[in-house]
Amino acid sequence: MEFIIVAFRSRTHTVAFSEYLLKRGISNEIVNTPKEAGVGCGLSVKISPSKFPMVRQATFKVGYNSFAGFFSVKHLAGKRVVRSI
């Protein structure tokens, strides 16, 4: 199972970005930021890897200064692997 998270340093921006995506028909979920990412406010927006190109454009379009990065999250051999993308 693989997914991507969009991390922000602001809970307000995390929720606002999730709503922004939903209004544009892009499904997402607000989740706890994996501690392995080492960034953010504790909440992130979880998306499908197939939605990444659209979400990346949306992230730069809204221009929140609290944007902390994109991270790929995978589970391999019982371990969670988080890497910046």
N, C-alpha and C. Protein backbone atom coordinates (compact mmCIF):
# COMPACT_ATOMS: atom_id res chain seq x y z
N MET A 1 0.84 -1.17 0.00
CA MET A 1 0.00 0.00 0.00
C MET A 1 0.89 1.24 0.00
N GLU A 2 0.63 2.12 -0.92
CA GLU A 2 1.41 3.36 -1.02
C GLU A 2 0.44 4.53 -1.12
N PHE A 3 0.81 5.62 -0.47
CA PHE A 3 0.05 6.86 -0.61
C PHE A 3 1.01 8.03 -0.46
N ILE A 4 0.50 9.21 -0.73
CA ILE A 4 1.30 10.42 -0.63
C ILE A 4 0.63 11.35 0.37
N ILE A 5 1.46 12.02 1.17
CA ILE A 5 0.91 13.03 2.06
C ILE A 5 1.47 14.40 1.67
N VAL A 6 0.64 15.40 1.88
CA VAL A 6 1.02 16.79 1.67
C VAL A 6 1.06 17.39 3.08
N ALA A 7 2.24 17.81 3.51
CA ALA A 7 2.41 18.31 4.87
C ALA A 7 2.47 19.84 4.90
N PHE A 8 1.84 20.39 5.92
CA PHE A 8 1.86 21.82 6.17
C PHE A 8 2.28 22.05 7.62
N ARG A 9 2.76 23.24 7.92
CA ARG A 9 3.12 23.60 9.29
C ARG A 9 1.96 24.27 10.02
N SER A 10 0.81 24.29 9.39
CA SER A 10 -0.38 24.93 9.95
C SER A 10 -1.58 24.00 9.82
N ARG A 11 -2.25 23.76 10.94
CA ARG A 11 -3.46 22.94 10.90
C ARG A 11 -4.54 23.62 10.07
N THR A 12 -4.62 24.94 10.18
CA THR A 12 -5.62 25.70 9.42
C THR A 12 -5.40 25.51 7.92
N HIS A 13 -4.15 25.59 7.47
CA HIS A 13 -3.85 25.41 6.06
C HIS A 13 -4.09 23.96 5.62
N THR A 14 -3.83 23.01 6.48
CA THR A 14 -4.08 21.60 6.15
C THR A 14 -5.56 21.38 5.87
N VAL A 15 -6.41 21.88 6.76
CA VAL A 15 -7.86 21.71 6.59
C VAL A 15 -8.34 22.49 5.38
N ALA A 16 -7.86 23.72 5.20
CA ALA A 16 -8.27 24.53 4.06
C ALA A 16 -7.86 23.87 2.74
N PHE A 17 -6.67 23.29 2.70
CA PHE A 17 -6.22 22.64 1.47
C PHE A 17 -7.05 21.40 1.17
N SER A 18 -7.38 20.64 2.18
CA SER A 18 -8.24 19.47 1.99
C SER A 18 -9.58 19.90 1.39
N GLU A 19 -10.16 20.95 1.93
CA GLU A 19 -11.43 21.45 1.42
C GLU A 19 -11.28 21.97 -0.01
N TYR A 20 -10.17 22.63 -0.30
CA TYR A 20 -9.89 23.14 -1.64
C TYR A 20 -9.89 21.98 -2.65
N LEU A 21 -9.22 20.89 -2.28
CA LEU A 21 -9.18 19.72 -3.16
C LEU A 21 -10.56 19.09 -3.34
N LEU A 22 -11.29 18.95 -2.25
CA LEU A 22 -12.62 18.35 -2.33
C LEU A 22 -13.55 19.15 -3.24
N LYS A 23 -13.46 20.46 -3.18
CA LYS A 23 -14.29 21.31 -4.03
C LYS A 23 -13.95 21.13 -5.51
N ARG A 24 -12.76 20.63 -5.79
CA ARG A 24 -12.32 20.39 -7.15
C ARG A 24 -12.44 18.91 -7.54
N GLY A 25 -13.11 18.14 -6.71
CA GLY A 25 -13.36 16.74 -7.02
C GLY A 25 -12.19 15.81 -6.78
N ILE A 26 -11.21 16.25 -5.99
CA ILE A 26 -10.04 15.41 -5.71
C ILE A 26 -10.20 14.83 -4.31
N SER A 27 -10.41 13.52 -4.25
CA SER A 27 -10.61 12.87 -2.95
C SER A 27 -9.32 12.91 -2.15
N ASN A 28 -9.48 13.06 -0.85
CA ASN A 28 -8.35 13.11 0.06
C ASN A 28 -8.84 12.82 1.46
N GLU A 29 -7.89 12.72 2.38
CA GLU A 29 -8.21 12.45 3.77
C GLU A 29 -7.20 13.19 4.64
N ILE A 30 -7.65 13.73 5.75
CA ILE A 30 -6.73 14.35 6.70
C ILE A 30 -6.27 13.24 7.65
N VAL A 31 -4.94 13.10 7.77
CA VAL A 31 -4.35 12.04 8.58
C VAL A 31 -3.26 12.62 9.47
N ASN A 32 -2.86 11.85 10.47
CA ASN A 32 -1.71 12.25 11.27
C ASN A 32 -0.45 12.15 10.42
N THR A 33 0.40 13.15 10.51
CA THR A 33 1.66 13.13 9.78
C THR A 33 2.56 12.06 10.39
N PRO A 34 3.09 11.16 9.58
CA PRO A 34 4.01 10.14 10.13
C PRO A 34 5.21 10.81 10.79
N LYS A 35 5.58 10.32 11.96
CA LYS A 35 6.71 10.92 12.68
C LYS A 35 8.00 10.84 11.86
N GLU A 36 8.09 9.84 10.97
CA GLU A 36 9.29 9.69 10.14
C GLU A 36 9.48 10.88 9.19
N ALA A 37 8.41 11.60 8.89
CA ALA A 37 8.52 12.78 8.01
C ALA A 37 9.24 13.91 8.74
N GLY A 38 9.05 14.01 10.04
CA GLY A 38 9.76 15.01 10.83
C GLY A 38 9.40 16.45 10.51
N VAL A 39 8.20 16.69 10.01
CA VAL A 39 7.77 18.04 9.65
C VAL A 39 6.29 18.23 9.96
N GLY A 40 5.90 19.47 9.89
CA GLY A 40 4.48 19.79 9.90
C GLY A 40 3.88 20.02 11.26
N CYS A 41 2.57 20.15 11.24
CA CYS A 41 1.80 20.50 12.42
C CYS A 41 1.19 19.28 13.08
N GLY A 42 1.45 18.11 12.53
CA GLY A 42 0.86 16.90 13.07
C GLY A 42 -0.25 16.34 12.21
N LEU A 43 -0.76 17.15 11.27
CA LEU A 43 -1.79 16.70 10.34
C LEU A 43 -1.31 16.92 8.92
N SER A 44 -1.70 16.01 8.04
CA SER A 44 -1.37 16.11 6.62
C SER A 44 -2.56 15.71 5.78
N VAL A 45 -2.49 16.01 4.50
CA VAL A 45 -3.51 15.60 3.54
C VAL A 45 -2.99 14.37 2.81
N LYS A 46 -3.75 13.28 2.90
CA LYS A 46 -3.39 12.02 2.26
C LYS A 46 -4.09 11.93 0.91
N ILE A 47 -3.32 11.59 -0.12
CA ILE A 47 -3.87 11.44 -1.46
C ILE A 47 -3.35 10.17 -2.11
N SER A 48 -4.01 9.78 -3.18
CA SER A 48 -3.57 8.65 -4.00
C SER A 48 -2.41 9.11 -4.88
N PRO A 49 -1.42 8.25 -5.12
CA PRO A 49 -0.32 8.62 -6.01
C PRO A 49 -0.80 9.06 -7.39
N SER A 50 -1.91 8.52 -7.86
CA SER A 50 -2.41 8.90 -9.18
C SER A 50 -2.87 10.36 -9.23
N LYS A 51 -3.17 10.94 -8.09
CA LYS A 51 -3.64 12.34 -8.02
C LYS A 51 -2.49 13.33 -7.80
N PHE A 52 -1.27 12.82 -7.62
CA PHE A 52 -0.15 13.68 -7.27
C PHE A 52 0.09 14.84 -8.24
N PRO A 53 0.09 14.62 -9.56
CA PRO A 53 0.35 15.75 -10.46
C PRO A 53 -0.66 16.90 -10.27
N MET A 54 -1.93 16.57 -10.13
CA MET A 54 -2.95 17.61 -9.94
C MET A 54 -2.80 18.30 -8.59
N VAL A 55 -2.52 17.51 -7.57
CA VAL A 55 -2.39 18.06 -6.22
C VAL A 55 -1.13 18.92 -6.11
N ARG A 56 -0.07 18.51 -6.76
CA ARG A 56 1.16 19.32 -6.75
C ARG A 56 0.89 20.70 -7.35
N GLN A 57 0.19 20.74 -8.47
CA GLN A 57 -0.15 22.02 -9.08
C GLN A 57 -1.03 22.85 -8.15
N ALA A 58 -2.00 22.20 -7.52
CA ALA A 58 -2.90 22.91 -6.61
C ALA A 58 -2.14 23.48 -5.41
N THR A 59 -1.16 22.73 -4.92
CA THR A 59 -0.38 23.19 -3.77
C THR A 59 0.34 24.50 -4.10
N PHE A 60 0.94 24.55 -5.26
CA PHE A 60 1.66 25.76 -5.64
C PHE A 60 0.71 26.89 -6.01
N LYS A 61 -0.47 26.53 -6.49
CA LYS A 61 -1.46 27.56 -6.84
C LYS A 61 -1.98 28.27 -5.60
N VAL A 62 -2.28 27.53 -4.53
CA VAL A 62 -2.79 28.18 -3.32
C VAL A 62 -1.69 28.95 -2.60
N GLY A 63 -0.46 28.50 -2.72
CA GLY A 63 0.69 29.25 -2.20
C GLY A 63 0.77 29.43 -0.70
N TYR A 64 0.31 28.47 0.08
CA TYR A 64 0.42 28.58 1.54
C TYR A 64 1.88 28.58 1.96
N ASN A 65 2.25 29.57 2.77
CA ASN A 65 3.65 29.66 3.22
C ASN A 65 3.99 28.59 4.26
N SER A 66 3.00 27.86 4.72
CA SER A 66 3.25 26.80 5.71
C SER A 66 3.50 25.44 5.05
N PHE A 67 3.52 25.40 3.73
CA PHE A 67 3.75 24.13 3.02
C PHE A 67 5.09 23.55 3.45
N ALA A 68 5.08 22.27 3.86
CA ALA A 68 6.30 21.63 4.37
C ALA A 68 6.85 20.56 3.43
N GLY A 69 6.06 20.06 2.48
CA GLY A 69 6.58 19.10 1.54
C GLY A 69 5.63 17.97 1.21
N PHE A 70 6.06 17.17 0.22
CA PHE A 70 5.34 15.97 -0.21
C PHE A 70 6.13 14.77 0.26
N PHE A 71 5.43 13.74 0.70
CA PHE A 71 6.09 12.53 1.18
C PHE A 71 5.36 11.30 0.68
N SER A 72 6.14 10.34 0.22
CA SER A 72 5.62 9.04 -0.18
C SER A 72 5.65 8.15 1.07
N VAL A 73 4.56 7.43 1.31
CA VAL A 73 4.48 6.53 2.45
C VAL A 73 4.17 5.14 1.93
N LYS A 74 5.03 4.18 2.28
CA LYS A 74 4.85 2.79 1.86
C LYS A 74 5.02 1.89 3.08
N HIS A 75 4.42 0.74 3.02
CA HIS A 75 4.63 -0.28 4.05
C HIS A 75 5.36 -1.45 3.38
N LEU A 76 6.59 -1.69 3.82
CA LEU A 76 7.41 -2.75 3.26
C LEU A 76 7.90 -3.66 4.39
N ALA A 77 7.62 -4.93 4.27
CA ALA A 77 8.05 -5.92 5.25
C ALA A 77 7.69 -5.51 6.67
N GLY A 78 6.49 -4.99 6.83
CA GLY A 78 6.02 -4.62 8.16
C GLY A 78 6.52 -3.29 8.67
N LYS A 79 7.30 -2.56 7.87
CA LYS A 79 7.83 -1.27 8.28
C LYS A 79 7.22 -0.17 7.43
N ARG A 80 7.03 0.98 8.04
CA ARG A 80 6.56 2.15 7.29
C ARG A 80 7.79 2.90 6.80
N VAL A 81 7.81 3.15 5.48
CA VAL A 81 8.91 3.87 4.85
C VAL A 81 8.38 5.20 4.33
N VAL A 82 8.96 6.28 4.82
CA VAL A 82 8.53 7.62 4.43
C VAL A 82 9.71 8.32 3.78
N ARG A 83 9.47 8.86 2.57
CA ARG A 83 10.55 9.58 1.91
C ARG A 83 10.00 10.85 1.26
N SER A 84 10.80 11.87 1.28
CA SER A 84 10.44 13.14 0.66
C SER A 84 10.45 13.00 -0.85
N ILE A 85 9.47 13.60 -1.52
CA ILE A 85 9.45 13.57 -2.99
C ILE A 85 9.34 14.97 -3.54
